[in-house]
C-alpha atoms as a PDB file:
ATOM      1  CA  MET A   1      12.863   2.621  -3.729  1.00  0.00           C
ATOM      2  CA  GLU A   2      15.018   0.391  -1.447  1.00  0.00           C
ATOM      3  CA  CYS A   3      16.634   3.469  -0.073  1.00  0.00           C
ATOM      4  CA  CYS A   4      13.225   5.092   0.706  1.00  0.00           C
ATOM      5  CA  GLY A   5      12.012   1.837   2.218  1.00  0.00           C
ATOM      6  CA  PHE A   6      15.089   1.825   4.451  1.00  0.00           C
ATOM      7  CA  CYS A   7      14.099   5.057   6.008  1.00  0.00           C
ATOM      8  CA  GLU A   8      10.502   4.235   6.304  1.00  0.00           C
ATOM      9  CA  ARG A   9      11.465   1.753   8.881  1.00  0.00           C
ATOM     10  CA  SER A  10      12.388   4.455  11.244  1.00  0.00           C
ATOM     11  CA  ALA A  11      16.096   4.421  10.551  1.00  0.00           C
ATOM     12  CA  PRO A  12      17.947   7.840  10.535  1.00  0.00           C
ATOM     13  CA  TRP A  13      18.250   9.335   7.111  1.00  0.00           C
ATOM     14  CA  CYS A  14      21.986   9.724   7.686  1.00  0.00           C
ATOM     15  CA  ASN A  15      22.457   6.028   7.965  1.00  0.00           C
ATOM     16  CA  LEU A  16      21.483   5.172   4.459  1.00  0.00           C
ATOM     17  CA  PRO A  17      23.923   2.749   2.515  1.00  0.00           C
ATOM     18  CA  LYS A  18      26.347   4.671   0.441  1.00  0.00           C
ATOM     19  CA  HIS A  19      24.885   3.284  -2.779  1.00  0.00           C
ATOM     20  CA  CYS A  20      21.775   5.298  -2.181  1.00  0.00           C
ATOM     21  CA  GLY A  21      23.505   8.502  -2.683  1.00  0.00           C
ATOM     22  CA  ALA A  22      23.324  11.585  -0.464  1.00  0.00           C
ATOM     23  CA  TRP A  23      20.815  11.161   2.357  1.00  0.00           C
ATOM     24  CA  GLU A  24      19.599  14.671   1.850  1.00  0.00           C
ATOM     25  CA  THR A  25      18.591  13.946  -1.791  1.00  0.00           C
ATOM     26  CA  VAL A  26      16.857  10.727  -0.841  1.00  0.00           C
ATOM     27  CA  ALA A  27      15.040  12.345   1.914  1.00  0.00           C
ATOM     28  CA  GLY A  28      13.930  15.285  -0.238  1.00  0.00           C
ATOM     29  CA  ARG A  29      12.501  12.980  -2.879  1.00  0.00           C
ATOM     30  CA  PHE A  30      10.771  10.705  -0.350  1.00  0.00           C
ATOM     31  CA  PHE A  31       8.991  13.666   1.282  1.00  0.00           C
ATOM     32  CA  ARG A  32       8.241  15.233  -2.021  1.00  0.00           C
ATOM     33  CA  TRP A  33       6.817  12.010  -3.212  1.00  0.00           C
ATOM     34  CA  CYS A  34       4.704  11.786  -0.059  1.00  0.00           C
ATOM     35  CA  LYS A  35       3.337  15.322  -0.427  1.00  0.00           C
ATOM     36  CA  ASN A  36       2.374  14.904  -4.151  1.00  0.00           C
ATOM     37  CA  GLY A  37       0.638  11.497  -3.463  1.00  0.00           C
ATOM     38  CA  LEU A  38       3.028   9.261  -5.486  1.00  0.00           C
ATOM     39  CA  TRP A  39       3.238   6.590  -2.805  1.00  0.00           C
ATOM     40  CA  GLN A  40      -0.583   6.406  -2.673  1.00  0.00           C
ATOM     41  CA  LYS A  41      -0.769   6.080  -6.418  1.00  0.00           C
ATOM     42  CA  ILE A  42       1.817   3.158  -6.173  1.00  0.00           C
ATOM     43  CA  LEU A  43      -0.048   1.465  -3.445  1.00  0.00           C
ATOM     44  CA  GLN A  44      -3.370   1.716  -5.436  1.00  0.00           C
ATOM     45  CA  SER A  45      -1.847   0.147  -8.530  1.00  0.00           C
ATOM     46  CA  PHE A  46      -0.565  -2.712  -6.428  1.00  0.00           C
ATOM     47  CA  GLN A  47      -4.080  -3.068  -5.014  1.00  0.00           C
ATOM     48  CA  ARG A  48      -5.605  -3.169  -8.465  1.00  0.00           C
ATOM     49  CA  LEU A  49      -3.157  -5.866  -9.526  1.00  0.00           C
ATOM     50  CA  ALA A  50      -3.831  -7.895  -6.489  1.00  0.00           C
ATOM     51  CA  ASP A  51      -7.597  -7.551  -7.005  1.00  0.00           C
ATOM     52  CA  ALA A  52      -7.431  -8.491 -10.675  1.00  0.00           C
ATOM     53  CA  SER A  53      -5.331 -11.607  -9.934  1.00  0.00           C
ATOM     54  CA  GLY A  54      -7.824 -12.789  -7.230  1.00  0.00           C
END
């Protein structure tokens, strides 16, 4: 997640830290997760937790 967040802040994919792995792989996963709605599901889960805790 850290590596995807790095690029979400408008940094070029090729500037990912080495520990994230190949930027092409990280970018592919990020865009696939966007397309299949994973990020939306994660945000909804966080929102439910926040709502439950008041």
